[in-house]
Structure formats: structure tokens, C-alpha cells
C-alpha atoms as a PDB file:
ATOM      1  CA  UNK A   1      27.339 162.927 128.982  1.00  0.00           C
ATOM      2  CA  UNK A   2      28.540 159.298 129.503  1.00  0.00           C
ATOM      3  CA  UNK A   3      25.952 156.827 130.473  1.00  0.00           C
ATOM      4  CA  UNK A   4      26.389 153.413 132.249  1.00  0.00           C
ATOM      5  CA  UNK A   5      26.570 152.222 135.605  1.00  0.00           C
ATOM      6  CA  UNK A   6      29.844 153.829 137.601  1.00  0.00           C
ATOM      7  CA  UNK A   7      31.662 152.563 140.479  1.00  0.00           C
ATOM      8  CA  UNK A   8      33.397 155.097 142.546  1.00  0.00           C
ATOM      9  CA  UNK A   9      36.855 154.443 143.727  1.00  0.00           C
ATOM     10  CA  UNK A  10      38.034 155.261 147.096  1.00  0.00           C
ATOM     11  CA  UNK A  11      40.255 158.290 146.091  1.00  0.00           C
ATOM     12  CA  UNK A  12      36.858 159.408 143.872  1.00  0.00           C
ATOM     13  CA  UNK A  13      34.730 159.070 147.476  1.00  0.00           C
ATOM     14  CA  UNK A  14      37.620 160.805 149.387  1.00  0.00           C
ATOM     15  CA  UNK A  15      37.288 163.971 147.213  1.00  0.00           C
ATOM     16  CA  UNK A  16      33.432 164.000 147.136  1.00  0.00           C
ATOM     17  CA  UNK A  17      33.831 164.271 150.729  1.00  0.00           C
ATOM     18  CA  UNK A  18      36.463 166.596 151.066  1.00  0.00           C
ATOM     19  CA  UNK A  19      34.424 169.025 148.229  1.00  0.00           C
ATOM     20  CA  UNK A  20      30.996 168.646 150.412  1.00  0.00           C
ATOM     21  CA  UNK A  21      32.596 169.527 154.028  1.00  0.00           C
ATOM     22  CA  UNK A  22      31.266 172.535 155.521  1.00  0.00           C
ATOM     23  CA  UNK A  23      28.175 172.334 152.467  1.00  0.00           C
ATOM     24  CA  UNK A  24      24.744 173.363 154.655  1.00  0.00           C
ATOM     25  CA  UNK A  25      21.834 172.366 152.525  1.00  0.00           C
ATOM     26  CA  UNK A  26      19.232 175.078 151.970  1.00  0.00           C
ATOM     27  CA  UNK A  27      15.833 174.427 153.893  1.00  0.00           C
ATOM     28  CA  UNK A  28      14.357 174.040 150.575  1.00  0.00           C
ATOM     29  CA  UNK A  29      17.095 171.210 149.347  1.00  0.00           C
ATOM     30  CA  UNK A  30      16.163 169.925 152.939  1.00  0.00           C
ATOM     31  CA  UNK A  31      12.477 169.383 152.561  1.00  0.00           C
ATOM     32  CA  UNK A  32      12.929 167.716 149.246  1.00  0.00           C
ATOM     33  CA  UNK A  33      15.942 165.260 150.582  1.00  0.00           C
ATOM     34  CA  UNK A  34      13.326 164.709 153.127  1.00  0.00           C
ATOM     35  CA  UNK A  35       9.979 163.784 150.676  1.00  0.00           C
ATOM     36  CA  UNK A  36      12.047 161.757 148.411  1.00  0.00           C
ATOM     37  CA  UNK A  37      13.519 159.296 151.705  1.00  0.00           C
ATOM     38  CA  UNK A  38       9.809 159.151 152.871  1.00  0.00           C
ATOM     39  CA  UNK A  39       8.809 156.227 152.294  1.00  0.00           C
ATOM     40  CA  UNK A  40      11.628 154.640 150.847  1.00  0.00           C
ATOM     41  CA  UNK A  41      12.550 151.200 151.787  1.00  0.00           C
ATOM     42  CA  UNK A  42      15.282 150.104 149.560  1.00  0.00           C
ATOM     43  CA  UNK A  43      17.526 149.230 152.863  1.00  0.00           C
ATOM     44  CA  UNK A  44      14.900 147.405 154.642  1.00  0.00           C
ATOM     45  CA  UNK A  45      15.432 144.233 156.215  1.00  0.00           C
ATOM     46  CA  UNK A  46      19.131 144.752 154.754  1.00  0.00           C
ATOM     47  CA  UNK A  47      21.993 145.127 157.425  1.00  0.00           C
ATOM     48  CA  UNK A  48      25.947 146.880 157.084  1.00  0.00           C
ATOM     49  CA  UNK A  49      28.681 144.117 156.868  1.00  0.00           C
ATOM     50  CA  UNK A  50      31.040 144.047 159.881  1.00  0.00           C
ATOM     51  CA  UNK A  51      33.976 145.727 157.611  1.00  0.00           C
ATOM     52  CA  UNK A  52      31.103 149.077 156.694  1.00  0.00           C
ATOM     53  CA  UNK A  53      30.446 149.304 160.396  1.00  0.00           C
ATOM     54  CA  UNK A  54      34.020 149.512 161.654  1.00  0.00           C
ATOM     55  CA  UNK A  55      34.708 151.778 158.992  1.00  0.00           C
ATOM     56  CA  UNK A  56      31.628 154.040 160.064  1.00  0.00           C
ATOM     57  CA  UNK A  57      32.872 153.824 163.388  1.00  0.00           C
ATOM     58  CA  UNK A  58      36.461 154.734 163.140  1.00  0.00           C
ATOM     59  CA  UNK A  59      34.834 157.649 160.898  1.00  0.00           C
ATOM     60  CA  UNK A  60      32.748 158.729 163.574  1.00  0.00           C
ATOM     61  CA  UNK A  61      35.227 158.572 166.651  1.00  0.00           C
ATOM     62  CA  UNK A  62      36.318 162.277 168.218  1.00  0.00           C
ATOM     63  CA  UNK A  63      33.618 163.758 165.866  1.00  0.00           C
ATOM     64  CA  UNK A  64      31.393 165.937 168.157  1.00  0.00           C
ATOM     65  CA  UNK A  65      27.628 167.133 167.586  1.00  0.00           C
ATOM     66  CA  UNK A  66      26.717 170.701 168.551  1.00  0.00           C
ATOM     67  CA  UNK A  67      24.238 171.753 170.678  1.00  0.00           C
ATOM     68  CA  UNK A  68      21.678 172.708 167.895  1.00  0.00           C
ATOM     69  CA  UNK A  69      22.234 169.107 166.378  1.00  0.00           C
ATOM     70  CA  UNK A  70      21.545 166.926 169.869  1.00  0.00           C
ATOM     71  CA  UNK A  71      18.599 169.286 170.069  1.00  0.00           C
ATOM     72  CA  UNK A  72      17.115 168.441 166.736  1.00  0.00           C
ATOM     73  CA  UNK A  73      17.917 165.191 166.794  1.00  0.00           C
ATOM     74  CA  UNK A  74      15.913 164.317 170.746  1.00  0.00           C
ATOM     75  CA  UNK A  75      13.102 166.371 169.093  1.00  0.00           C
ATOM     76  CA  UNK A  76      13.237 164.061 165.878  1.00  0.00           C
ATOM     77  CA  UNK A  77      13.342 160.946 168.193  1.00  0.00           C
ATOM     78  CA  UNK A  78      10.502 162.108 170.715  1.00  0.00           C
ATOM     79  CA  UNK A  79       8.329 162.422 168.112  1.00  0.00           C
ATOM     80  CA  UNK A  80       9.255 159.089 166.417  1.00  0.00           C
ATOM     81  CA  UNK A  81       8.408 157.428 169.649  1.00  0.00           C
ATOM     82  CA  UNK A  82       5.179 159.307 169.509  1.00  0.00           C
ATOM     83  CA  UNK A  83       4.055 158.238 166.140  1.00  0.00           C
ATOM     84  CA  UNK A  84       5.596 154.478 166.806  1.00  0.00           C
ATOM     85  CA  UNK A  85       7.839 154.715 163.990  1.00  0.00           C
ATOM     86  CA  UNK A  86      10.965 154.063 166.577  1.00  0.00           C
ATOM     87  CA  UNK A  87      10.804 152.055 169.078  1.00  0.00           C
ATOM     88  CA  UNK A  88      12.142 151.503 172.544  1.00  0.00           C
ATOM     89  CA  UNK A  89      14.581 148.381 172.802  1.00  0.00           C
ATOM     90  CA  UNK A  90      14.549 147.614 176.351  1.00  0.00           C
ATOM     91  CA  UNK A  91      10.590 148.196 176.502  1.00  0.00           C
ATOM     92  CA  UNK A  92       9.204 145.190 178.258  1.00  0.00           C
ATOM     93  CA  UNK A  93      12.576 143.805 179.769  1.00  0.00           C
ATOM     94  CA  UNK A  94      12.731 143.540 183.206  1.00  0.00           C
ATOM     95  CA  UNK A  95      15.832 142.601 186.177  1.00  0.00           C
ATOM     96  CA  UNK A  96      14.470 139.193 186.450  1.00  0.00           C
ATOM     97  CA  UNK A  97      15.223 138.774 182.238  1.00  0.00           C
ATOM     98  CA  UNK A  98      18.039 137.131 181.842  1.00  0.00           C
ATOM     99  CA  UNK A  99      18.521 137.971 178.224  1.00  0.00           C
ATOM    100  CA  UNK A 100      18.764 141.623 179.273  1.00  0.00           C
ATOM    101  CA  UNK A 101      21.351 141.236 181.887  1.00  0.00           C
ATOM    102  CA  UNK A 102      23.637 139.258 179.290  1.00  0.00           C
ATOM    103  CA  UNK A 103      23.017 142.488 176.573  1.00  0.00           C
ATOM    104  CA  UNK A 104      23.966 144.659 179.112  1.00  0.00           C
ATOM    105  CA  UNK A 105      26.801 142.741 180.495  1.00  0.00           C
ATOM    106  CA  UNK A 106      28.303 142.384 176.793  1.00  0.00           C
ATOM    107  CA  UNK A 107      28.154 146.036 175.766  1.00  0.00           C
ATOM    108  CA  UNK A 108      29.646 147.277 179.027  1.00  0.00           C
ATOM    109  CA  UNK A 109      32.669 144.093 178.634  1.00  0.00           C
ATOM    110  CA  UNK A 110      35.883 146.600 178.280  1.00  0.00           C
ATOM    111  CA  UNK A 111      34.363 149.975 178.743  1.00  0.00           C
ATOM    112  CA  UNK A 112      36.201 152.390 180.310  1.00  0.00           C
ATOM    113  CA  UNK A 113      34.096 155.650 181.387  1.00  0.00           C
ATOM    114  CA  UNK A 114      36.226 158.843 180.618  1.00  0.00           C
ATOM    115  CA  UNK A 115      36.679 161.687 183.371  1.00  0.00           C
ATOM    116  CA  UNK A 116      34.687 163.802 181.408  1.00  0.00           C
ATOM    117  CA  UNK A 117      31.658 160.892 181.172  1.00  0.00           C
ATOM    118  CA  UNK A 118      31.668 160.848 185.088  1.00  0.00           C
ATOM    119  CA  UNK A 119      31.297 164.568 185.649  1.00  0.00           C
ATOM    120  CA  UNK A 120      28.433 164.324 182.769  1.00  0.00           C
ATOM    121  CA  UNK A 121      26.770 161.227 184.782  1.00  0.00           C
ATOM    122  CA  UNK A 122      26.983 163.605 188.052  1.00  0.00           C
ATOM    123  CA  UNK A 123      25.654 166.235 186.319  1.00  0.00           C
ATOM    124  CA  UNK A 124      22.699 164.618 184.942  1.00  0.00           C
ATOM    125  CA  UNK A 125      21.966 162.751 188.088  1.00  0.00           C
ATOM    126  CA  UNK A 126      22.144 166.409 189.715  1.00  0.00           C
ATOM    127  CA  UNK A 127      19.785 167.898 187.785  1.00  0.00           C
ATOM    128  CA  UNK A 128      17.421 165.067 187.892  1.00  0.00           C
ATOM    129  CA  UNK A 129      16.903 164.898 191.557  1.00  0.00           C
ATOM    130  CA  UNK A 130      16.486 168.762 191.540  1.00  0.00           C
ATOM    131  CA  UNK A 131      13.577 167.835 189.307  1.00  0.00           C
ATOM    132  CA  UNK A 132      12.206 165.433 191.132  1.00  0.00           C
ATOM    133  CA  UNK A 133      12.723 162.808 188.382  1.00  0.00           C
ATOM    134  CA  UNK A 134      14.969 160.996 190.112  1.00  0.00           C
ATOM    135  CA  UNK A 135      13.431 159.338 193.511  1.00  0.00           C
ATOM    136  CA  UNK A 136      14.786 157.489 196.526  1.00  0.00           C
ATOM    137  CA  UNK A 137      13.277 154.136 195.425  1.00  0.00           C
ATOM    138  CA  UNK A 138      14.726 154.358 191.883  1.00  0.00           C
ATOM    139  CA  UNK A 139      17.865 152.504 193.751  1.00  0.00           C
ATOM    140  CA  UNK A 140      19.431 155.532 195.260  1.00  0.00           C
ATOM    141  CA  UNK A 141      18.853 158.583 197.328  1.00  0.00           C
ATOM    142  CA  UNK A 142      20.375 162.362 197.801  1.00  0.00           C
ATOM    143  CA  UNK A 143      21.573 163.990 201.074  1.00  0.00           C
ATOM    144  CA  UNK A 144      23.330 167.240 200.363  1.00  0.00           C
ATOM    145  CA  UNK A 145      25.622 167.086 197.503  1.00  0.00           C
ATOM    146  CA  UNK A 146      26.210 163.550 198.033  1.00  0.00           C
ATOM    147  CA  UNK A 147      24.309 160.174 196.424  1.00  0.00           C
ATOM    148  CA  UNK A 148      24.221 157.476 198.321  1.00  0.00           C
ATOM    149  CA  UNK A 149      22.494 153.834 197.697  1.00  0.00           C
ATOM    150  CA  UNK A 150      19.335 153.064 199.048  1.00  0.00           C
ATOM    151  CA  UNK A 151      18.978 150.571 202.033  1.00  0.00           C
ATOM    152  CA  UNK A 152      17.510 148.025 199.539  1.00  0.00           C
ATOM    153  CA  UNK A 153      19.850 148.702 197.052  1.00  0.00           C
ATOM    154  CA  UNK A 154      22.609 148.405 199.779  1.00  0.00           C
ATOM    155  CA  UNK A 155      21.082 145.248 201.280  1.00  0.00           C
ATOM    156  CA  UNK A 156      20.812 143.393 197.811  1.00  0.00           C
ATOM    157  CA  UNK A 157      24.760 144.789 196.911  1.00  0.00           C
ATOM    158  CA  UNK A 158      25.498 142.881 200.338  1.00  0.00           C
ATOM    159  CA  UNK A 159      23.726 139.657 199.466  1.00  0.00           C
ATOM    160  CA  UNK A 160      25.311 139.499 196.066  1.00  0.00           C
ATOM    161  CA  UNK A 161      28.935 140.206 197.317  1.00  0.00           C
ATOM    162  CA  UNK A 162      28.283 137.489 199.831  1.00  0.00           C
ATOM    163  CA  UNK A 163      27.240 134.597 197.467  1.00  0.00           C
ATOM    164  CA  UNK A 164      30.460 135.879 195.058  1.00  0.00           C
ATOM    165  CA  UNK A 165      32.419 135.701 198.045  1.00  0.00           C
ATOM    166  CA  UNK A 166      31.976 132.109 198.771  1.00  0.00           C
ATOM    167  CA  UNK A 167      33.802 131.624 195.260  1.00  0.00           C
ATOM    168  CA  UNK A 168      37.386 131.013 195.693  1.00  0.00           C
ATOM    169  CA  UNK A 169      38.318 132.289 191.923  1.00  0.00           C
ATOM    170  CA  UNK A 170      36.275 135.492 192.739  1.00  0.00           C
ATOM    171  CA  UNK A 171      38.050 136.234 195.992  1.00  0.00           C
ATOM    172  CA  UNK A 172      41.394 135.738 194.274  1.00  0.00           C
ATOM    173  CA  UNK A 173      40.823 138.074 191.342  1.00  0.00           C
ATOM    174  CA  UNK A 174      39.701 140.877 193.886  1.00  0.00           C
ATOM    175  CA  UNK A 175      42.939 140.191 196.482  1.00  0.00           C
ATOM    176  CA  UNK A 176      45.130 140.528 192.981  1.00  0.00           C
ATOM    177  CA  UNK A 177      44.329 144.205 193.430  1.00  0.00           C
ATOM    178  CA  UNK A 178      45.556 144.563 197.341  1.00  0.00           C
ATOM    179  CA  UNK A 179      48.909 145.839 196.637  1.00  0.00           C
ATOM    180  CA  UNK A 180      49.358 147.098 200.145  1.00  0.00           C
ATOM    181  CA  UNK A 181      49.366 142.974 202.040  1.00  0.00           C
ATOM    182  CA  UNK A 182      50.999 143.153 204.793  1.00  0.00           C
ATOM    183  CA  UNK A 183      49.845 146.530 205.980  1.00  0.00           C
ATOM    184  CA  UNK A 184      51.798 148.516 207.790  1.00  0.00           C
ATOM    185  CA  UNK A 185      50.956 147.702 211.463  1.00  0.00           C
ATOM    186  CA  UNK A 186      50.897 143.373 209.932  1.00  0.00           C
ATOM    187  CA  UNK A 187      54.187 144.278 208.790  1.00  0.00           C
ATOM    188  CA  UNK A 188      55.614 145.683 212.088  1.00  0.00           C
ATOM    189  CA  UNK A 189      53.854 142.482 213.883  1.00  0.00           C
ATOM    190  CA  UNK A 190      55.310 140.277 211.484  1.00  0.00           C
ATOM    191  CA  UNK A 191      59.242 141.483 212.266  1.00  0.00           C
ATOM    192  CA  UNK A 192      58.672 140.522 215.887  1.00  0.00           C
ATOM    193  CA  UNK A 193      57.623 137.183 215.006  1.00  0.00           C
ATOM    194  CA  UNK A 194      60.363 136.633 212.749  1.00  0.00           C
ATOM    195  CA  UNK A 195      63.064 137.747 214.970  1.00  0.00           C
ATOM    196  CA  UNK A 196      62.075 135.661 218.026  1.00  0.00           C
ATOM    197  CA  UNK A 197      61.128 132.977 215.826  1.00  0.00           C
ATOM    198  CA  UNK A 198      57.232 132.481 216.785  1.00  0.00           C
ATOM    199  CA  UNK A 199      55.497 129.953 214.852  1.00  0.00           C
ATOM    200  CA  UNK A 200      53.109 132.117 213.137  1.00  0.00           C
ATOM    201  CA  UNK A 201      52.511 132.245 209.259  1.00  0.00           C
ATOM    202  CA  UNK A 202      51.418 135.654 207.761  1.00  0.00           C
ATOM    203  CA  UNK A 203      48.311 134.409 205.889  1.00  0.00           C
ATOM    204  CA  UNK A 204      46.067 137.946 205.920  1.00  0.00           C
ATOM    205  CA  UNK A 205      46.905 138.375 201.720  1.00  0.00           C
ATOM    206  CA  UNK A 206      43.755 135.152 200.851  1.00  0.00           C
ATOM    207  CA  UNK A 207      46.009 132.063 201.581  1.00  0.00           C
ATOM    208  CA  UNK A 208      43.845 131.030 204.221  1.00  0.00           C
ATOM    209  CA  UNK A 209      40.245 130.748 204.391  1.00  0.00           C
ATOM    210  CA  UNK A 210      37.473 129.775 207.366  1.00  0.00           C
ATOM    211  CA  UNK A 211      34.171 128.984 206.620  1.00  0.00           C
ATOM    212  CA  UNK A 212      30.968 129.591 208.479  1.00  0.00           C
ATOM    213  CA  UNK A 213      27.549 128.914 206.693  1.00  0.00           C
ATOM    214  CA  UNK A 214      27.418 131.865 203.951  1.00  0.00           C
ATOM    215  CA  UNK A 215      30.223 133.807 205.008  1.00  0.00           C
ATOM    216  CA  UNK A 216      34.416 132.813 204.619  1.00  0.00           C
ATOM    217  CA  UNK A 217      36.573 135.168 207.095  1.00  0.00           C
ATOM    218  CA  UNK A 218      40.586 135.117 206.000  1.00  0.00           C
ATOM    219  CA  UNK A 219      42.787 135.558 209.544  1.00  0.00           C
ATOM    220  CA  UNK A 220      45.941 137.904 209.784  1.00  0.00           C
ATOM    221  CA  UNK A 221      48.307 135.414 211.292  1.00  0.00           C
ATOM    222  CA  UNK A 222      47.602 131.505 212.001  1.00  0.00           C
ATOM    223  CA  UNK A 223      49.367 128.516 213.576  1.00  0.00           C
ATOM    224  CA  UNK A 224      47.724 125.259 212.624  1.00  0.00           C
ATOM    225  CA  UNK A 225      49.545 122.799 214.547  1.00  0.00           C
ATOM    226  CA  UNK A 226      48.698 124.820 218.155  1.00  0.00           C
ATOM    227  CA  UNK A 227      45.218 126.136 216.344  1.00  0.00           C
ATOM    228  CA  UNK A 228      45.897 129.765 216.980  1.00  0.00           C
ATOM    229  CA  UNK A 229      45.022 133.046 215.170  1.00  0.00           C
ATOM    230  CA  UNK A 230      45.955 136.528 215.811  1.00  0.00           C
ATOM    231  CA  UNK A 231      43.800 139.042 214.168  1.00  0.00           C
ATOM    232  CA  UNK A 232      45.322 142.832 213.657  1.00  0.00           C
ATOM    233  CA  UNK A 233      42.334 144.974 213.836  1.00  0.00           C
ATOM    234  CA  UNK A 234      42.510 148.790 212.516  1.00  0.00           C
ATOM    235  CA  UNK A 235      40.840 150.693 215.352  1.00  0.00           C
ATOM    236  CA  UNK A 236      39.135 152.603 212.535  1.00  0.00           C
ATOM    237  CA  UNK A 237      37.542 150.480 210.653  1.00  0.00           C
ATOM    238  CA  UNK A 238      36.764 147.531 213.420  1.00  0.00           C
ATOM    239  CA  UNK A 239      34.890 150.319 216.323  1.00  0.00           C
ATOM    240  CA  UNK A 240      31.815 150.461 213.364  1.00  0.00           C
ATOM    241  CA  UNK A 241      28.841 148.883 214.474  1.00  0.00           C
ATOM    242  CA  UNK A 242      28.478 146.850 210.980  1.00  0.00           C
ATOM    243  CA  UNK A 243      32.421 145.454 211.660  1.00  0.00           C
ATOM    244  CA  UNK A 244      31.504 145.039 215.267  1.00  0.00           C
ATOM    245  CA  UNK A 245      28.423 142.722 213.984  1.00  0.00           C
ATOM    246  CA  UNK A 246      30.719 140.888 211.472  1.00  0.00           C
ATOM    247  CA  UNK A 247      33.621 140.449 214.194  1.00  0.00           C
ATOM    248  CA  UNK A 248      31.289 138.504 215.985  1.00  0.00           C
ATOM    249  CA  UNK A 249      30.508 135.927 213.255  1.00  0.00           C
ATOM    250  CA  UNK A 250      34.152 136.469 212.465  1.00  0.00           C
ATOM    251  CA  UNK A 251      35.081 134.920 215.954  1.00  0.00           C
ATOM    252  CA  UNK A 252      32.626 132.517 216.267  1.00  0.00           C
ATOM    253  CA  UNK A 253      33.406 130.899 212.873  1.00  0.00           C
ATOM    254  CA  UNK A 254      37.271 130.810 214.135  1.00  0.00           C
ATOM    255  CA  UNK A 255      35.963 129.410 217.965  1.00  0.00           C
ATOM    256  CA  UNK A 256      34.046 126.493 215.835  1.00  0.00           C
ATOM    257  CA  UNK A 257      36.796 125.622 213.923  1.00  0.00           C
ATOM    258  CA  UNK A 258      39.042 125.087 217.405  1.00  0.00           C
ATOM    259  CA  UNK A 259      41.058 127.828 217.145  1.00  0.00           C
ATOM    260  CA  UNK A 260      42.065 130.249 220.175  1.00  0.00           C
ATOM    261  CA  UNK A 261      42.236 134.259 219.100  1.00  0.00           C
ATOM    262  CA  UNK A 262      44.434 137.288 219.750  1.00  0.00           C
ATOM    263  CA  UNK A 263      43.739 140.567 218.690  1.00  0.00           C
ATOM    264  CA  UNK A 264      46.140 143.203 218.263  1.00  0.00           C
ATOM    265  CA  UNK A 265      45.216 146.817 217.249  1.00  0.00           C
ATOM    266  CA  UNK A 266      47.141 148.651 214.999  1.00  0.00           C
ATOM    267  CA  UNK A 267      47.162 151.741 217.363  1.00  0.00           C
ATOM    268  CA  UNK A 268      49.484 149.142 219.684  1.00  0.00           C
ATOM    269  CA  UNK A 269      51.986 148.443 217.011  1.00  0.00           C
ATOM    270  CA  UNK A 270      52.628 152.173 215.236  1.00  0.00           C
ATOM    271  CA  UNK A 271      52.274 155.628 215.927  1.00  0.00           C
ATOM    272  CA  UNK A 272      48.610 156.932 215.942  1.00  0.00           C
ATOM    273  CA  UNK A 273      47.608 160.335 216.440  1.00  0.00           C
ATOM    274  CA  UNK A 274      44.144 159.594 219.124  1.00  0.00           C
ATOM    275  CA  UNK A 275      46.058 157.182 221.108  1.00  0.00           C
ATOM    276  CA  UNK A 276      50.047 158.286 220.645  1.00  0.00           C
ATOM    277  CA  UNK A 277      52.773 155.966 220.764  1.00  0.00           C
ATOM    278  CA  UNK A 278      52.800 152.703 220.332  1.00  0.00           C
ATOM    279  CA  UNK A 279      53.380 150.000 222.915  1.00  0.00           C
ATOM    280  CA  UNK A 280      56.803 148.952 222.021  1.00  0.00           C
ATOM    281  CA  UNK A 281      58.464 145.910 221.099  1.00  0.00           C
ATOM    282  CA  UNK A 282      58.671 144.364 224.437  1.00  0.00           C
ATOM    283  CA  UNK A 283      55.352 144.513 225.455  1.00  0.00           C
ATOM    284  CA  UNK A 284      54.137 143.214 222.127  1.00  0.00           C
ATOM    285  CA  UNK A 285      56.155 140.351 222.291  1.00  0.00           C
ATOM    286  CA  UNK A 286      55.193 139.491 226.179  1.00  0.00           C
ATOM    287  CA  UNK A 287      51.390 139.561 225.107  1.00  0.00           C
ATOM    288  CA  UNK A 288      52.413 137.103 222.003  1.00  0.00           C
ATOM    289  CA  UNK A 289      54.254 135.019 224.353  1.00  0.00           C
ATOM    290  CA  UNK A 290      51.515 134.862 226.531  1.00  0.00           C
ATOM    291  CA  UNK A 291      49.140 133.722 224.321  1.00  0.00           C
ATOM    292  CA  UNK A 292      51.602 131.225 222.623  1.00  0.00           C
ATOM    293  CA  UNK A 293      52.577 129.552 225.839  1.00  0.00           C
ATOM    294  CA  UNK A 294      49.145 129.104 227.373  1.00  0.00           C
ATOM    295  CA  UNK A 295      47.947 126.077 225.341  1.00  0.00           C
END
């Protein structure tokens, strides 16, 4: 038998890999391999190269472990955690730890969750709720078959959104996703304004913002010279209690900035199943002229 050091070529490795496919070690062989590897520290302190990591990643793509393998891995990990051989990577880290947030953010950048994964997450949450392992104070709660954020979580989300919304770049980034601007009612009103040459500019796409304290508001139509604002409200959304409170703050902001406000509801401009036929062009024009000429 030849002696010496041999370097396997990629072709040789490929052939060995193909020949080993589907081969299963006997229980006796597994035990022997396990004993040989115990205490083996040849790789301790070493790291795979980026190229090797990429190669292994590509190799693992699309590979699915059987339920039996997953179960065995889970049991092995539990044992390792218990014996202290494996440590929990996020132990001792809190939400206040900036490094923790940065790490999670970097890991999730560009990540797209597949529909299959979404279903698995939902099923897991349902199971945890039924087992009592996920409680309302964990950030969300269950009502019927649906899951909702807790009041505390909603409040935190709202406060974070308000802080972010004060940043112009953030607002512009969000508004780029609104493809339906102007809305159908706004488009109908815009046609009337343009037809009769009324000096109102459509700014409901984020062109103009008025600020009050920690909130900013975007009117739908504006006449800066006469200090006039027209808002086109959707009946459903602006009839909600939370929106009513926000609209009060909105009007306070407009008035403080020296503007007069006219509200026109969507059902006055387009047909609505609840209110029937709209007012019609003539009546809308009368309201606009009355508002425009009284200043």
C-alpha cells in the first residue's frame, strides 16, 4: 500500500461523497465513532474560512431533515445544555442591550419569510397558547383563533412609530409604498377643483406636513395663500374612537398654524352602500365656493 500524505482532488471527493450517499452506520460503528471523537480538540479555537462556510451553506440549501433526525438533535442539544457543554447564546442579554438589538437586526436584514415558515410560526404559537407556555404579558394574547398584541406592546409600537414619523426620510420611505394616492374620493374632488379652477393643491401624498408637539399631519388639499385646508375623510376610519381623538389633535395643529379646515366625507363624493348616492358635483362645488369665498 502506498504511503505518504495524499491530497484529495475535488473529483475524488465528489466520488467519495456519491459512494457514501444512503449509507448508514451500524449502532456499533456509531458508538465507536462517538468514543473516538470524545475529547477531540484538534479543531478547538479554529474557524472555517468564508469560502468553506459558503460552500457548506450552498450544500445544505434545500436539504430537509427527517422528523426522527430533528427529534434526535433536540434531545442531544437538551443534554448538552444540561451538562454545560453547550451555552445559550443570548443568556443574560436584555432588550436594553444595544449589542443584542444590533445582532438581531443584522441577522434579519433582507430575510424573507416563506409562506410555509409563516404557517409553522402560527401553528407553534397556537400550540404554545394551548399549553399555557405563551402568556398575555409575553407581548401578545389570544382571543378566539386570532392573536393580538397586548396593550403595553401596542403602546410601545405607537410611541416608536410617532418618534420615527417625525423623521422626514422615514415618512418618505413609508409613503413610497402607498400606490393608491390620490384615493378615489380624493381623485373625484381633484377633478372638480381643476374643472372650476379653484386654487387648491393636492398634497395628500406627503408633500406638506404640519407639526404639533410630537406629531405631524399631512392634509389632503391646501391653499397656502388663503390658509385653507380641505380634508377628505373616509367615514369608516375617521368614525373610530382612536381616530376621533387623533383628528382633534389634527385640527388643533391646523388652527394653531393659522388654517381654516373643511371636511368632506368619502360618501359625499362616491357611492356608498350605507349612505347611497353621493351629493353630486353641483352641491360639492357650492360647499367649496362657500368655503373658498368666505375668507
